[in-house]
Amino acid sequence: MKHITLFLLCALALPGCGRLVKVPEQERMVRNIFEVQLAKNDIYDRALEWCAKRLSTVNDDIVVKNREAGKIIAKGTGKYSEYFDFLVDREFSYNITIEVKDNRYRVTFDNFTIYYDERQIKSGQAEYKFEIGQMSKKLNKLMEDLRDYVSRGAVHKDKQKREEEW
């Protein structure tokens, strides 16, 4: 009977260990490239306007605005539910970089920090596959919102460019 109980406890504990798979540092990002039939300055202006409207909480901030280089870097915050979408809400922060060229732009979310309420350490860098996956779901929705905002009224190509072509 002891062996069966031990076996059942181990079987229940093992799925929880799958959450502790670390992601290599160079893969701790969410990135996508979009094509839109607009000039570089038009894409830049729309992306900057989106950042000003969407990243509007006290902790969010536009850090770099460089029209000539076609680069916007901002800080943002978000929240995801850790267990079954309702038990524990985790707040996280990130950097968003928008790089603009004629007819396309690249969006990169990185530098993820998670804030814990129930631990002695109040925050830490996101390094586990589960954390990155949960944040990716939220950030992909944010990226779609940016795509819709930038491409409204413009001819939008559905295909996305590959990273090598950037």
Protein backbone atom coordinates (compact mmCIF):
# COMPACT_ATOMS: atom_id res chain seq x y z
CA MET A 1 0.00 0.00 0.00
CA LYS A 2 2.87 2.39 0.79
CA HIS A 3 4.34 1.84 -2.66
CA ILE A 4 1.04 2.60 -4.38
CA THR A 5 0.63 5.80 -2.38
CA LEU A 6 4.20 6.87 -3.17
CA PHE A 7 3.67 6.08 -6.85
CA LEU A 8 0.47 8.13 -6.98
CA LEU A 9 2.12 11.11 -5.27
CA CYS A 10 5.01 11.00 -7.74
CA ALA A 11 2.59 10.73 -10.67
CA LEU A 12 0.75 13.83 -9.47
CA ALA A 13 3.94 15.82 -8.86
CA LEU A 14 5.67 15.12 -12.19
CA PRO A 15 3.39 17.26 -14.42
CA GLY A 16 4.14 20.25 -12.21
CA CYS A 17 7.87 19.80 -12.84
CA GLY A 18 7.32 20.33 -16.57
CA ARG A 19 6.69 23.97 -15.81
CA LEU A 20 10.27 24.36 -14.61
CA VAL A 21 11.94 23.98 -18.01
CA LYS A 22 14.29 26.94 -18.50
CA VAL A 23 14.31 28.81 -21.80
CA PRO A 24 17.71 29.91 -23.18
CA GLU A 25 18.21 33.66 -22.81
CA GLN A 26 18.33 34.35 -26.56
CA GLU A 27 14.86 32.76 -26.90
CA ARG A 28 13.20 34.82 -24.16
CA MET A 29 11.41 37.12 -26.55
CA VAL A 30 8.35 37.42 -28.74
CA ARG A 31 9.08 38.78 -32.21
CA ASN A 32 7.21 39.20 -35.47
CA ILE A 33 7.62 41.07 -38.74
CA PHE A 34 4.66 42.58 -40.55
CA GLU A 35 4.25 43.96 -44.05
CA VAL A 36 2.02 46.92 -44.77
CA GLN A 37 1.92 49.14 -47.85
CA LEU A 38 2.97 52.37 -46.13
CA ALA A 39 6.04 54.56 -46.16
CA LYS A 40 8.49 54.33 -43.29
CA ASN A 41 7.44 57.66 -41.73
CA ASP A 42 3.74 56.74 -41.87
CA ILE A 43 4.36 53.42 -40.13
CA TYR A 44 6.55 55.18 -37.57
CA ASP A 45 3.91 57.83 -36.81
CA ARG A 46 1.12 55.27 -36.43
CA ALA A 47 3.24 52.99 -34.23
CA LEU A 48 4.27 55.93 -32.02
CA GLU A 49 0.63 57.03 -31.72
CA TRP A 50 -0.35 53.46 -30.78
CA CYS A 51 2.35 53.37 -28.09
CA ALA A 52 1.16 56.67 -26.65
CA LYS A 53 -2.44 55.42 -26.48
CA ARG A 54 -1.90 51.78 -25.53
CA LEU A 55 1.02 52.06 -23.11
CA SER A 56 -0.63 54.63 -20.90
CA THR A 57 -0.29 53.37 -17.34
CA VAL A 58 1.95 55.00 -14.76
CA ASN A 59 4.71 52.39 -15.15
CA ASP A 60 4.71 52.41 -18.96
CA ASP A 61 7.02 54.76 -20.77
CA ILE A 62 8.33 55.51 -24.26
CA VAL A 63 12.10 55.45 -23.84
CA VAL A 64 13.43 56.00 -27.39
CA LYS A 65 11.81 57.83 -30.30
CA ASN A 66 14.10 58.07 -33.33
CA ARG A 67 12.34 58.84 -36.60
CA GLU A 68 15.54 58.75 -38.72
CA ALA A 69 16.53 55.31 -37.46
CA GLY A 70 12.88 54.18 -37.49
CA LYS A 71 13.04 52.90 -33.93
CA ILE A 72 10.69 53.13 -30.94
CA ILE A 73 11.53 51.50 -27.61
CA ALA A 74 9.00 51.52 -24.79
CA LYS A 75 8.34 49.81 -21.48
CA GLY A 76 5.05 48.14 -20.76
CA THR A 77 3.24 46.08 -18.17
CA GLY A 78 0.76 43.24 -18.37
CA LYS A 79 -0.93 40.52 -16.40
CA TYR A 80 -1.60 36.84 -16.97
CA SER A 81 -3.42 34.18 -14.97
CA GLU A 82 -1.12 31.42 -13.82
CA TYR A 83 -3.49 28.60 -12.91
CA PHE A 84 -6.60 27.79 -14.95
CA ASP A 85 -7.01 31.45 -15.98
CA PHE A 86 -8.42 32.58 -12.65
CA LEU A 87 -6.51 31.49 -9.55
CA VAL A 88 -3.32 33.60 -9.50
CA ASP A 89 -2.77 36.76 -11.54
CA ARG A 90 0.88 37.54 -12.26
CA GLU A 91 1.97 41.00 -13.23
CA PHE A 92 4.91 41.33 -15.58
CA SER A 93 6.84 44.07 -17.33
CA TYR A 94 8.54 44.04 -20.71
CA ASN A 95 10.33 46.17 -23.28
CA ILE A 96 8.80 46.62 -26.72
CA THR A 97 10.98 47.59 -29.67
CA ILE A 98 9.40 48.63 -32.95
CA GLU A 99 11.82 48.90 -35.89
CA VAL A 100 10.42 50.47 -39.05
CA LYS A 101 11.41 50.27 -42.71
CA ASP A 102 9.45 51.07 -45.87
CA ASN A 103 6.50 48.67 -46.21
CA ARG A 104 7.37 46.63 -43.10
CA TYR A 105 8.10 46.76 -39.40
CA ARG A 106 9.42 44.41 -36.74
CA VAL A 107 8.00 44.18 -33.22
CA THR A 108 10.05 42.61 -30.42
CA PHE A 109 8.97 42.06 -26.82
CA ASP A 110 11.79 41.15 -24.42
CA ASN A 111 13.36 41.79 -21.01
CA PHE A 112 10.51 40.13 -19.13
CA THR A 113 10.26 40.62 -15.36
CA ILE A 114 7.62 38.84 -13.28
CA TYR A 115 6.31 40.21 -9.98
CA TYR A 116 5.45 37.75 -7.21
CA ASP A 117 3.26 38.61 -4.23
CA GLU A 118 3.62 35.45 -2.19
CA ARG A 119 7.41 35.06 -2.28
CA GLN A 120 10.19 36.72 -0.37
CA ILE A 121 11.76 37.81 -3.66
CA LYS A 122 9.27 40.28 -5.09
CA SER A 123 10.38 40.11 -8.74
CA GLY A 124 12.64 38.17 -11.06
CA GLN A 125 13.54 37.68 -14.70
CA ALA A 126 11.20 35.33 -16.53
CA GLU A 127 13.20 32.26 -17.43
CA TYR A 128 10.79 29.31 -17.48
CA LYS A 129 8.95 28.02 -20.53
CA PHE A 130 5.57 28.24 -18.82
CA GLU A 131 6.05 31.92 -17.89
CA ILE A 132 7.26 32.88 -21.37
CA GLY A 133 4.34 30.96 -22.92
CA GLN A 134 1.74 32.70 -20.77
CA MET A 135 3.23 36.13 -21.49
CA SER A 136 3.46 35.30 -25.21
CA LYS A 137 -0.30 34.74 -25.36
CA LYS A 138 -0.95 38.21 -23.95
CA LEU A 139 1.75 39.89 -26.03
CA ASN A 140 0.58 38.28 -29.29
CA LYS A 141 -2.82 39.90 -28.72
CA LEU A 142 -1.07 43.21 -28.12
CA MET A 143 0.94 42.71 -31.32
CA GLU A 144 -2.26 42.05 -33.28
CA ASP A 145 -3.71 45.26 -31.86
CA LEU A 146 -0.63 47.18 -33.07
CA ARG A 147 -0.87 45.53 -36.50
CA ASP A 148 -4.53 46.50 -36.82
CA TYR A 149 -3.82 50.07 -35.71
CA VAL A 150 -0.87 50.60 -38.06
CA SER A 151 -2.52 48.99 -41.06
CA ARG A 152 -5.98 50.56 -40.80
CA GLY A 153 -6.82 52.14 -44.11
CA ALA A 154 -3.69 50.72 -45.75
CA VAL A 155 -3.23 47.69 -47.93
CA HIS A 156 -2.21 44.98 -45.49
CA LYS A 157 -0.49 41.81 -46.57
CA ASP A 158 -1.40 38.85 -44.40
CA LYS A 159 1.91 37.09 -44.76
CA GLN A 160 4.68 37.82 -42.33
CA LYS A 161 8.31 38.20 -43.35
CA ARG A 162 10.86 35.75 -42.07
CA GLU A 163 13.49 36.89 -39.62
CA GLU A 164 16.29 36.17 -42.10
CA GLU A 165 14.79 38.59 -44.63
CA TRP A 166 14.72 41.49 -42.19
